Structure formats: structure tokens, C-alpha cells
């Protein structure tokens, strides 16, 4: 099998898209000491700060480099719902972004916790919230994508919640650590070659 070289300044990842085509059966949400706070029109800086705190270990950078007008057009769109997960003290520790801009569909744009809480079982609570808020009477499909840069348990997590893979693609992009968008020590599981 031939290998496809990836230039040193680039990163490559396999992206898997998954979907739900039927409303999940109701089940009780796991207990958690968190609450969702709907952000109706957050500032770009506030949104990016939480996005960075959650996504830096996984090289989330898309919203950090997006022009501000483009970002605000998305996060202020009435068909996009953004929720900050807060702990009991009101500290923002997670993010849920639901995109309803395509008729009959809900995309989970972003979902996750800060690194200290990732991989500790809190995702089941957040996914229960996502399914409850995202599956509406006119929803025929809910979907999400993950990649090989995400938490190693992400793909299995989505499948355990009923999502079925339907597409896979390879994505390459300039390493955001080399451009100074993210610190050089971000995502140590992804070798920095430049």
C-alpha cells in the first residue's frame, strides 16, 4: 500500500461523519453537576475563548482563524444555538453548538468539555442534552463529524449513542501551531514537524 506524503507544515486527519435517522428512544439523562446556559449572541472574543479552551488539545482552530464577520454571521444566526456548559459556580467548562440551518437536519457543530473533564464520563450527560435539544418535530436527521485528532474515544462515543458512520474523508491543513494560532505544545499526540 502506498503512503501519501504530508508536507511537514501540514497536518492530515481522517474525518468520519455520522448520523441518526430516527429519534432516539427517550432515556433519563445521567446525573451531572452541570447546567446549560444558552448564548443568544455571544461576542466573537467570548465564543473563541471557550472554543480555544475546549479545542486546543485537539487542534480545533477553524473558528479562531475565521474572519470575525463570518464567525458572527454563524454564531448570531437564529438557526444556530450555542450553549455553554457551566459548573455549579457558573464557570464555563463545555460547549454545545447545534446548527439547524438545513431544513429537517440538526448538525452538532461542536461538543465537548475542557481538557480536565474530557474522557471522564461527562459526555453522556452532554450528549443527552444535545439529543433532547436537537431532535425536534421536523428533524429527520441529526449528524456530527469527528476526526482522528479528536479524543481517541470520540468515534466510539458517538456510535454508542446511536450515530452511524456514513462518510469518511481525509482533511489536510496547515498546522495551526506553526502559524502561532495555537501554542506549539497543543495536541502533543500530533507530532509537530515544522
C-alpha atoms as a PDB file:
ATOM      1  CA  UNK A   1       0.000   0.000   0.000  1.00  0.00           C
ATOM      2  CA  UNK A   2       1.481   3.326  -0.987  1.00  0.00           C
ATOM      3  CA  UNK A   3       1.745   6.129   1.546  1.00  0.00           C
ATOM      4  CA  UNK A   4       0.822   9.691   0.642  1.00  0.00           C
ATOM      5  CA  UNK A   5       3.415  12.114   1.970  1.00  0.00           C
ATOM      6  CA  UNK A   6       2.141  15.038   4.041  1.00  0.00           C
ATOM      7  CA  UNK A   7       4.414  18.104   3.986  1.00  0.00           C
ATOM      8  CA  UNK A   8       5.997  18.951   7.350  1.00  0.00           C
ATOM      9  CA  UNK A   9       3.980  22.167   7.734  1.00  0.00           C
ATOM     10  CA  UNK A  10       0.689  20.314   7.197  1.00  0.00           C
ATOM     11  CA  UNK A  11      -1.465  18.029   9.350  1.00  0.00           C
ATOM     12  CA  UNK A  12      -3.627  15.231   7.976  1.00  0.00           C
ATOM     13  CA  UNK A  13      -6.608  13.623   9.655  1.00  0.00           C
ATOM     14  CA  UNK A  14      -9.336  11.158   8.749  1.00  0.00           C
ATOM     15  CA  UNK A  15     -12.774  12.725   9.253  1.00  0.00           C
ATOM     16  CA  UNK A  16     -15.755  10.440   9.876  1.00  0.00           C
ATOM     17  CA  UNK A  17     -19.289  11.783   9.552  1.00  0.00           C
ATOM     18  CA  UNK A  18     -22.046  10.020  11.482  1.00  0.00           C
ATOM     19  CA  UNK A  19     -25.825  10.369  11.516  1.00  0.00           C
ATOM     20  CA  UNK A  20     -29.019   9.440  13.312  1.00  0.00           C
ATOM     21  CA  UNK A  21     -32.047   8.919  11.045  1.00  0.00           C
ATOM     22  CA  UNK A  22     -34.554   8.125  13.781  1.00  0.00           C
ATOM     23  CA  UNK A  23     -35.441   9.879  17.003  1.00  0.00           C
ATOM     24  CA  UNK A  24     -33.571   8.145  19.816  1.00  0.00           C
ATOM     25  CA  UNK A  25     -35.666   6.385  22.420  1.00  0.00           C
ATOM     26  CA  UNK A  26     -36.067   8.595  25.489  1.00  0.00           C
ATOM     27  CA  UNK A  27     -33.874   7.676  28.405  1.00  0.00           C
ATOM     28  CA  UNK A  28     -33.033   9.521  31.589  1.00  0.00           C
ATOM     29  CA  UNK A  29     -30.100  11.885  31.372  1.00  0.00           C
ATOM     30  CA  UNK A  30     -27.166  10.808  33.502  1.00  0.00           C
ATOM     31  CA  UNK A  31     -26.764  12.913  36.623  1.00  0.00           C
ATOM     32  CA  UNK A  32     -24.278  15.758  36.429  1.00  0.00           C
ATOM     33  CA  UNK A  33     -23.420  18.861  38.364  1.00  0.00           C
ATOM     34  CA  UNK A  34     -23.659  20.999  35.234  1.00  0.00           C
ATOM     35  CA  UNK A  35     -26.194  23.214  33.517  1.00  0.00           C
ATOM     36  CA  UNK A  36     -26.545  24.633  30.033  1.00  0.00           C
ATOM     37  CA  UNK A  37     -26.588  28.371  29.504  1.00  0.00           C
ATOM     38  CA  UNK A  38     -27.862  29.458  26.079  1.00  0.00           C
ATOM     39  CA  UNK A  39     -25.696  32.142  24.496  1.00  0.00           C
ATOM     40  CA  UNK A  40     -28.014  34.048  22.140  1.00  0.00           C
ATOM     41  CA  UNK A  41     -25.458  36.423  20.611  1.00  0.00           C
ATOM     42  CA  UNK A  42     -22.036  35.954  22.188  1.00  0.00           C
ATOM     43  CA  UNK A  43     -19.182  38.222  21.253  1.00  0.00           C
ATOM     44  CA  UNK A  44     -16.572  36.694  18.976  1.00  0.00           C
ATOM     45  CA  UNK A  45     -13.984  37.009  21.751  1.00  0.00           C
ATOM     46  CA  UNK A  46     -16.155  35.234  24.340  1.00  0.00           C
ATOM     47  CA  UNK A  47     -17.008  32.431  21.914  1.00  0.00           C
ATOM     48  CA  UNK A  48     -13.399  31.995  20.768  1.00  0.00           C
ATOM     49  CA  UNK A  49     -12.099  31.910  24.347  1.00  0.00           C
ATOM     50  CA  UNK A  50     -14.329  28.939  25.232  1.00  0.00           C
ATOM     51  CA  UNK A  51     -13.729  27.291  21.838  1.00  0.00           C
ATOM     52  CA  UNK A  52      -9.968  27.540  22.430  1.00  0.00           C
ATOM     53  CA  UNK A  53     -10.157  26.190  25.996  1.00  0.00           C
ATOM     54  CA  UNK A  54     -12.035  23.121  24.812  1.00  0.00           C
ATOM     55  CA  UNK A  55     -10.487  22.521  21.425  1.00  0.00           C
ATOM     56  CA  UNK A  56      -6.802  23.345  21.818  1.00  0.00           C
ATOM     57  CA  UNK A  57      -5.804  19.768  22.764  1.00  0.00           C
ATOM     58  CA  UNK A  58      -7.468  18.507  19.575  1.00  0.00           C
ATOM     59  CA  UNK A  59      -6.194  21.251  17.238  1.00  0.00           C
ATOM     60  CA  UNK A  60      -9.576  22.947  16.874  1.00  0.00           C
ATOM     61  CA  UNK A  61      -8.650  26.128  15.091  1.00  0.00           C
ATOM     62  CA  UNK A  62     -11.268  26.816  12.408  1.00  0.00           C
ATOM     63  CA  UNK A  63     -13.209  29.374  14.426  1.00  0.00           C
ATOM     64  CA  UNK A  64     -10.001  31.012  15.672  1.00  0.00           C
ATOM     65  CA  UNK A  65      -8.839  31.978  12.173  1.00  0.00           C
ATOM     66  CA  UNK A  66     -12.259  32.684  10.678  1.00  0.00           C
ATOM     67  CA  UNK A  67     -12.818  36.365   9.885  1.00  0.00           C
ATOM     68  CA  UNK A  68     -14.872  37.947  12.654  1.00  0.00           C
ATOM     69  CA  UNK A  69     -17.774  38.928  10.377  1.00  0.00           C
ATOM     70  CA  UNK A  70     -18.044  35.340   9.125  1.00  0.00           C
ATOM     71  CA  UNK A  71     -17.907  33.938  12.654  1.00  0.00           C
ATOM     72  CA  UNK A  72     -20.549  36.362  13.915  1.00  0.00           C
ATOM     73  CA  UNK A  73     -22.799  35.503  10.968  1.00  0.00           C
ATOM     74  CA  UNK A  74     -22.759  31.893  12.185  1.00  0.00           C
ATOM     75  CA  UNK A  75     -22.925  32.316  15.949  1.00  0.00           C
ATOM     76  CA  UNK A  76     -25.586  35.056  15.748  1.00  0.00           C
ATOM     77  CA  UNK A  77     -27.715  33.179  13.218  1.00  0.00           C
ATOM     78  CA  UNK A  78     -31.090  32.392  14.862  1.00  0.00           C
ATOM     79  CA  UNK A  79     -30.847  28.866  13.401  1.00  0.00           C
ATOM     80  CA  UNK A  80     -27.628  28.185  15.338  1.00  0.00           C
ATOM     81  CA  UNK A  81     -27.905  27.519  19.061  1.00  0.00           C
ATOM     82  CA  UNK A  82     -24.860  27.827  21.280  1.00  0.00           C
ATOM     83  CA  UNK A  83     -24.821  26.577  24.844  1.00  0.00           C
ATOM     84  CA  UNK A  84     -22.064  26.974  27.396  1.00  0.00           C
ATOM     85  CA  UNK A  85     -21.853  24.170  29.927  1.00  0.00           C
ATOM     86  CA  UNK A  86     -21.395  25.684  33.369  1.00  0.00           C
ATOM     87  CA  UNK A  87     -20.396  24.107  36.633  1.00  0.00           C
ATOM     88  CA  UNK A  88     -22.092  24.910  39.947  1.00  0.00           C
ATOM     89  CA  UNK A  89     -20.005  28.071  40.308  1.00  0.00           C
ATOM     90  CA  UNK A  90     -21.033  29.321  36.864  1.00  0.00           C
ATOM     91  CA  UNK A  91     -17.621  28.638  35.299  1.00  0.00           C
ATOM     92  CA  UNK A  92     -17.858  27.725  31.618  1.00  0.00           C
ATOM     93  CA  UNK A  93     -16.451  24.231  31.163  1.00  0.00           C
ATOM     94  CA  UNK A  94     -18.046  22.940  27.976  1.00  0.00           C
ATOM     95  CA  UNK A  95     -19.648  23.824  24.673  1.00  0.00           C
ATOM     96  CA  UNK A  96     -22.587  22.549  22.666  1.00  0.00           C
ATOM     97  CA  UNK A  97     -23.356  24.070  19.281  1.00  0.00           C
ATOM     98  CA  UNK A  98     -26.417  22.929  17.333  1.00  0.00           C
ATOM     99  CA  UNK A  99     -26.895  24.033  13.739  1.00  0.00           C
ATOM    100  CA  UNK A 100     -30.450  23.964  12.343  1.00  0.00           C
ATOM    101  CA  UNK A 101     -29.722  25.919   9.142  1.00  0.00           C
ATOM    102  CA  UNK A 102     -30.563  22.966   6.849  1.00  0.00           C
ATOM    103  CA  UNK A 103     -34.274  22.166   6.862  1.00  0.00           C
ATOM    104  CA  UNK A 104     -35.034  18.881   8.616  1.00  0.00           C
ATOM    105  CA  UNK A 105     -31.464  18.480   9.876  1.00  0.00           C
ATOM    106  CA  UNK A 106     -29.550  19.179  13.050  1.00  0.00           C
ATOM    107  CA  UNK A 107     -25.776  19.235  12.948  1.00  0.00           C
ATOM    108  CA  UNK A 108     -23.852  19.007  16.179  1.00  0.00           C
ATOM    109  CA  UNK A 109     -21.291  21.589  15.141  1.00  0.00           C
ATOM    110  CA  UNK A 110     -19.164  21.395  18.269  1.00  0.00           C
ATOM    111  CA  UNK A 111     -19.498  19.457  21.501  1.00  0.00           C
ATOM    112  CA  UNK A 112     -17.013  18.981  24.283  1.00  0.00           C
ATOM    113  CA  UNK A 113     -15.574  19.762  27.672  1.00  0.00           C
ATOM    114  CA  UNK A 114     -12.404  21.471  28.826  1.00  0.00           C
ATOM    115  CA  UNK A 115      -9.416  19.076  28.899  1.00  0.00           C
ATOM    116  CA  UNK A 116      -9.658  18.446  32.655  1.00  0.00           C
ATOM    117  CA  UNK A 117     -13.155  16.967  32.206  1.00  0.00           C
ATOM    118  CA  UNK A 118     -12.748  15.194  28.860  1.00  0.00           C
ATOM    119  CA  UNK A 119     -12.808  11.404  28.925  1.00  0.00           C
ATOM    120  CA  UNK A 120     -14.311  11.182  32.423  1.00  0.00           C
ATOM    121  CA  UNK A 121     -17.850  10.126  31.546  1.00  0.00           C
ATOM    122  CA  UNK A 122     -19.339  13.621  31.405  1.00  0.00           C
ATOM    123  CA  UNK A 123     -20.045  13.336  27.699  1.00  0.00           C
ATOM    124  CA  UNK A 124     -23.086  11.110  28.236  1.00  0.00           C
ATOM    125  CA  UNK A 125     -24.828  13.971  30.043  1.00  0.00           C
ATOM    126  CA  UNK A 126     -23.904  16.465  27.337  1.00  0.00           C
ATOM    127  CA  UNK A 127     -24.990  14.116  24.543  1.00  0.00           C
ATOM    128  CA  UNK A 128     -28.336  13.583  26.319  1.00  0.00           C
ATOM    129  CA  UNK A 129     -28.765  17.371  26.255  1.00  0.00           C
ATOM    130  CA  UNK A 130     -27.767  17.535  22.594  1.00  0.00           C
ATOM    131  CA  UNK A 131     -30.248  14.828  21.606  1.00  0.00           C
ATOM    132  CA  UNK A 132     -33.039  16.392  23.636  1.00  0.00           C
ATOM    133  CA  UNK A 133     -32.480  19.891  22.241  1.00  0.00           C
ATOM    134  CA  UNK A 134     -31.509  18.844  18.740  1.00  0.00           C
ATOM    135  CA  UNK A 135     -34.200  16.342  17.873  1.00  0.00           C
ATOM    136  CA  UNK A 136     -37.260  18.436  17.068  1.00  0.00           C
ATOM    137  CA  UNK A 137     -40.580  17.588  15.472  1.00  0.00           C
ATOM    138  CA  UNK A 138     -39.351  18.469  11.988  1.00  0.00           C
ATOM    139  CA  UNK A 139     -35.952  16.784  12.395  1.00  0.00           C
ATOM    140  CA  UNK A 140     -35.370  13.824  10.095  1.00  0.00           C
ATOM    141  CA  UNK A 141     -31.612  13.630  10.557  1.00  0.00           C
ATOM    142  CA  UNK A 142     -29.082  14.562  13.201  1.00  0.00           C
ATOM    143  CA  UNK A 143     -25.416  14.388  12.324  1.00  0.00           C
ATOM    144  CA  UNK A 144     -21.922  15.066  13.597  1.00  0.00           C
ATOM    145  CA  UNK A 145     -18.371  14.593  12.455  1.00  0.00           C
ATOM    146  CA  UNK A 146     -15.217  13.596  14.301  1.00  0.00           C
ATOM    147  CA  UNK A 147     -11.655  13.026  13.245  1.00  0.00           C
ATOM    148  CA  UNK A 148      -8.533  11.139  14.225  1.00  0.00           C
ATOM    149  CA  UNK A 149      -7.244  14.259  16.009  1.00  0.00           C
ATOM    150  CA  UNK A 150     -10.189  14.223  18.461  1.00  0.00           C
ATOM    151  CA  UNK A 151     -10.248  12.342  21.760  1.00  0.00           C
ATOM    152  CA  UNK A 152      -9.486   8.671  20.976  1.00  0.00           C
ATOM    153  CA  UNK A 153     -12.874   7.658  22.379  1.00  0.00           C
ATOM    154  CA  UNK A 154     -14.913  10.098  20.287  1.00  0.00           C
ATOM    155  CA  UNK A 155     -15.906   7.778  17.443  1.00  0.00           C
ATOM    156  CA  UNK A 156     -16.978   5.002  19.823  1.00  0.00           C
ATOM    157  CA  UNK A 157     -18.845   7.537  21.952  1.00  0.00           C
ATOM    158  CA  UNK A 158     -20.977   8.683  19.010  1.00  0.00           C
ATOM    159  CA  UNK A 159     -21.651   5.107  17.935  1.00  0.00           C
ATOM    160  CA  UNK A 160     -22.751   4.159  21.468  1.00  0.00           C
ATOM    161  CA  UNK A 161     -25.315   6.957  21.254  1.00  0.00           C
ATOM    162  CA  UNK A 162     -26.771   5.524  18.050  1.00  0.00           C
ATOM    163  CA  UNK A 163     -24.905   7.523  15.409  1.00  0.00           C
ATOM    164  CA  UNK A 164     -23.988   5.519  12.311  1.00  0.00           C
ATOM    165  CA  UNK A 165     -20.969   6.393  10.130  1.00  0.00           C
ATOM    166  CA  UNK A 166     -21.928   7.371   6.577  1.00  0.00           C
ATOM    167  CA  UNK A 167     -18.870   9.083   5.117  1.00  0.00           C
ATOM    168  CA  UNK A 168     -15.130   9.303   5.566  1.00  0.00           C
ATOM    169  CA  UNK A 169     -12.659  11.795   4.120  1.00  0.00           C
ATOM    170  CA  UNK A 170      -9.050  12.872   4.571  1.00  0.00           C
ATOM    171  CA  UNK A 171      -8.533  16.506   5.528  1.00  0.00           C
ATOM    172  CA  UNK A 172      -5.189  18.278   5.369  1.00  0.00           C
ATOM    173  CA  UNK A 173      -4.497  21.752   6.667  1.00  0.00           C
ATOM    174  CA  UNK A 174      -1.599  23.988   7.642  1.00  0.00           C
ATOM    175  CA  UNK A 175      -0.516  23.182  11.187  1.00  0.00           C
ATOM    176  CA  UNK A 176      -2.047  25.975  13.325  1.00  0.00           C
ATOM    177  CA  UNK A 177       0.809  25.646  15.835  1.00  0.00           C
ATOM    178  CA  UNK A 178       3.345  26.738  13.227  1.00  0.00           C
ATOM    179  CA  UNK A 179       1.268  29.817  12.403  1.00  0.00           C
ATOM    180  CA  UNK A 180       1.014  30.766  16.085  1.00  0.00           C
ATOM    181  CA  UNK A 181      -2.771  30.245  16.155  1.00  0.00           C
ATOM    182  CA  UNK A 182      -2.316  27.590  18.835  1.00  0.00           C
ATOM    183  CA  UNK A 183       0.690  27.092  21.124  1.00  0.00           C
ATOM    184  CA  UNK A 184       3.423  24.719  19.971  1.00  0.00           C
ATOM    185  CA  UNK A 185       2.646  22.406  22.901  1.00  0.00           C
ATOM    186  CA  UNK A 186      -1.023  21.969  21.874  1.00  0.00           C
ATOM    187  CA  UNK A 187      -2.075  18.456  20.833  1.00  0.00           C
ATOM    188  CA  UNK A 188       1.104  16.609  21.838  1.00  0.00           C
ATOM    189  CA  UNK A 189      -0.364  13.450  20.283  1.00  0.00           C
ATOM    190  CA  UNK A 190       0.100  15.088  16.863  1.00  0.00           C
ATOM    191  CA  UNK A 191       3.826  15.371  16.064  1.00  0.00           C
ATOM    192  CA  UNK A 192       4.996  18.888  15.205  1.00  0.00           C
ATOM    193  CA  UNK A 193       7.283  18.551  12.200  1.00  0.00           C
ATOM    194  CA  UNK A 194       7.895  22.106  11.072  1.00  0.00           C
END
